[in-house]
Amino acid sequence: MESEEKEEQLLKSAALQTANAVLVARRRAEQELVEIKEALETKSTELTHSLTMLNATLESTADAILVTDEKGQVIRWNQKFLEIWPIAS
């Protein structure tokens, strides 16, 4: 009987240690997620600002600009380009 009680206590102790380890790991993971989310929000804000500046620069220049990607596909142009080359947009 005493042996069974000892075994039960050991099992309870192991279960509590496992539960505590899981709780600690969960808290650590939640904190990391919060930090990653904040970093992502910061980068998103920075990207939005950069795109706003790029668009303002693109439209404020006196030059006609047509931008293509690495495959030669047209990805962007400014209003001045459309004024000089009246094509459907």
C-alpha atoms as a PDB file:
ATOM      1  CA  MET A   1       0.000   0.000   0.000  1.00  0.00           C
ATOM      2  CA  GLU A   2       2.780   2.370   0.923  1.00  0.00           C
ATOM      3  CA  SER A   3       4.483   1.615  -2.370  1.00  0.00           C
ATOM      4  CA  GLU A   4       1.315   2.514  -4.280  1.00  0.00           C
ATOM      5  CA  GLU A   5       1.016   5.820  -2.419  1.00  0.00           C
ATOM      6  CA  LYS A   6       4.639   6.616  -3.165  1.00  0.00           C
ATOM      7  CA  GLU A   7       4.110   5.806  -6.837  1.00  0.00           C
ATOM      8  CA  GLU A   8       0.967   7.945  -6.904  1.00  0.00           C
ATOM      9  CA  GLN A   9       2.848  10.849  -5.309  1.00  0.00           C
ATOM     10  CA  LEU A  10       5.652  10.491  -7.840  1.00  0.00           C
ATOM     11  CA  LEU A  11       3.144  10.477 -10.685  1.00  0.00           C
ATOM     12  CA  LYS A  12       1.400  13.569  -9.293  1.00  0.00           C
ATOM     13  CA  SER A  13       4.738  15.288  -8.873  1.00  0.00           C
ATOM     14  CA  ALA A  14       5.760  14.453 -12.442  1.00  0.00           C
ATOM     15  CA  ALA A  15       2.404  15.648 -13.736  1.00  0.00           C
ATOM     16  CA  LEU A  16       2.742  18.945 -11.857  1.00  0.00           C
ATOM     17  CA  GLN A  17       6.271  19.452 -13.154  1.00  0.00           C
ATOM     18  CA  THR A  18       5.105  18.749 -16.695  1.00  0.00           C
ATOM     19  CA  ALA A  19       2.153  21.117 -16.306  1.00  0.00           C
ATOM     20  CA  ASN A  20       4.453  23.838 -14.972  1.00  0.00           C
ATOM     21  CA  ALA A  21       6.911  23.320 -17.826  1.00  0.00           C
ATOM     22  CA  VAL A  22       4.074  23.553 -20.347  1.00  0.00           C
ATOM     23  CA  LEU A  23       2.798  26.740 -18.686  1.00  0.00           C
ATOM     24  CA  VAL A  24       6.257  28.327 -18.757  1.00  0.00           C
ATOM     25  CA  ALA A  25       6.719  27.366 -22.415  1.00  0.00           C
ATOM     26  CA  ARG A  26       3.289  28.745 -23.278  1.00  0.00           C
ATOM     27  CA  ARG A  27       4.000  32.069 -21.559  1.00  0.00           C
ATOM     28  CA  ARG A  28       7.336  32.310 -23.359  1.00  0.00           C
ATOM     29  CA  ALA A  29       5.682  31.556 -26.702  1.00  0.00           C
ATOM     30  CA  GLU A  30       2.930  34.113 -26.062  1.00  0.00           C
ATOM     31  CA  GLN A  31       5.538  36.760 -25.211  1.00  0.00           C
ATOM     32  CA  GLU A  32       7.487  35.953 -28.371  1.00  0.00           C
ATOM     33  CA  LEU A  33       4.297  36.246 -30.427  1.00  0.00           C
ATOM     34  CA  VAL A  34       3.559  39.643 -28.914  1.00  0.00           C
ATOM     35  CA  GLU A  35       7.080  40.822 -29.728  1.00  0.00           C
ATOM     36  CA  ILE A  36       6.860  39.475 -33.289  1.00  0.00           C
ATOM     37  CA  LYS A  37       3.462  41.139 -33.766  1.00  0.00           C
ATOM     38  CA  GLU A  38       4.849  44.476 -32.580  1.00  0.00           C
ATOM     39  CA  ALA A  39       7.851  44.153 -34.903  1.00  0.00           C
ATOM     40  CA  LEU A  40       5.549  43.295 -37.807  1.00  0.00           C
ATOM     41  CA  GLU A  41       3.352  46.310 -37.080  1.00  0.00           C
ATOM     42  CA  THR A  42       6.434  48.543 -36.982  1.00  0.00           C
ATOM     43  CA  LYS A  43       7.723  47.176 -40.297  1.00  0.00           C
ATOM     44  CA  SER A  44       4.269  47.536 -41.836  1.00  0.00           C
ATOM     45  CA  THR A  45       4.129  51.185 -40.783  1.00  0.00           C
ATOM     46  CA  GLU A  46       7.621  51.766 -42.182  1.00  0.00           C
ATOM     47  CA  LEU A  47       6.662  50.084 -45.458  1.00  0.00           C
ATOM     48  CA  THR A  48       3.495  52.165 -45.758  1.00  0.00           C
ATOM     49  CA  HIS A  49       5.545  55.313 -45.231  1.00  0.00           C
ATOM     50  CA  SER A  50       8.111  54.227 -47.828  1.00  0.00           C
ATOM     51  CA  LEU A  51       5.418  53.464 -50.392  1.00  0.00           C
ATOM     52  CA  THR A  52       3.755  56.813 -49.738  1.00  0.00           C
ATOM     53  CA  MET A  53       7.070  58.603 -50.274  1.00  0.00           C
ATOM     54  CA  LEU A  54       7.768  56.575 -53.426  1.00  0.00           C
ATOM     55  CA  ASN A  55       4.353  57.360 -54.883  1.00  0.00           C
ATOM     56  CA  ALA A  56       4.691  61.053 -54.046  1.00  0.00           C
ATOM     57  CA  THR A  57       8.122  61.153 -55.668  1.00  0.00           C
ATOM     58  CA  LEU A  58       6.909  59.258 -58.728  1.00  0.00           C
ATOM     59  CA  GLU A  59       4.014  61.647 -59.278  1.00  0.00           C
ATOM     60  CA  SER A  60       5.890  64.860 -58.488  1.00  0.00           C
ATOM     61  CA  THR A  61       8.659  64.408 -61.047  1.00  0.00           C
ATOM     62  CA  ALA A  62       8.499  66.203 -64.369  1.00  0.00           C
ATOM     63  CA  ASP A  63       9.673  63.039 -66.116  1.00  0.00           C
ATOM     64  CA  ALA A  64       7.516  60.299 -67.553  1.00  0.00           C
ATOM     65  CA  ILE A  65       8.267  57.063 -65.718  1.00  0.00           C
ATOM     66  CA  LEU A  66       7.366  53.489 -66.581  1.00  0.00           C
ATOM     67  CA  VAL A  67       8.501  50.740 -64.208  1.00  0.00           C
ATOM     68  CA  THR A  68       8.877  47.088 -65.158  1.00  0.00           C
ATOM     69  CA  ASP A  69       9.711  44.011 -63.124  1.00  0.00           C
ATOM     70  CA  GLU A  70      12.561  41.599 -63.814  1.00  0.00           C
ATOM     71  CA  LYS A  71      10.410  39.839 -66.436  1.00  0.00           C
ATOM     72  CA  GLY A  72       9.699  43.051 -68.332  1.00  0.00           C
ATOM     73  CA  GLN A  73       6.096  43.259 -67.140  1.00  0.00           C
ATOM     74  CA  VAL A  74       4.842  46.792 -66.559  1.00  0.00           C
ATOM     75  CA  ILE A  75       4.115  47.242 -62.871  1.00  0.00           C
ATOM     76  CA  ARG A  76       3.874  51.018 -62.387  1.00  0.00           C
ATOM     77  CA  TRP A  77       3.803  54.322 -64.237  1.00  0.00           C
ATOM     78  CA  ASN A  78       3.164  57.914 -63.364  1.00  0.00           C
ATOM     79  CA  GLN A  79       0.609  60.397 -64.675  1.00  0.00           C
ATOM     80  CA  LYS A  80       3.218  62.190 -66.783  1.00  0.00           C
ATOM     81  CA  PHE A  81       3.863  58.948 -68.679  1.00  0.00           C
ATOM     82  CA  LEU A  82       0.140  58.685 -69.475  1.00  0.00           C
ATOM     83  CA  GLU A  83       0.106  62.309 -70.673  1.00  0.00           C
ATOM     84  CA  ILE A  84       2.989  61.675 -73.082  1.00  0.00           C
ATOM     85  CA  TRP A  85       1.924  58.170 -74.124  1.00  0.00           C
ATOM     86  CA  PRO A  86      -1.876  58.146 -74.081  1.00  0.00           C
ATOM     87  CA  ILE A  87      -2.498  54.449 -73.649  1.00  0.00           C
ATOM     88  CA  ALA A  88      -5.223  52.627 -71.783  1.00  0.00           C
ATOM     89  CA  SER A  89      -4.267  52.050 -68.161  1.00  0.00           C
END
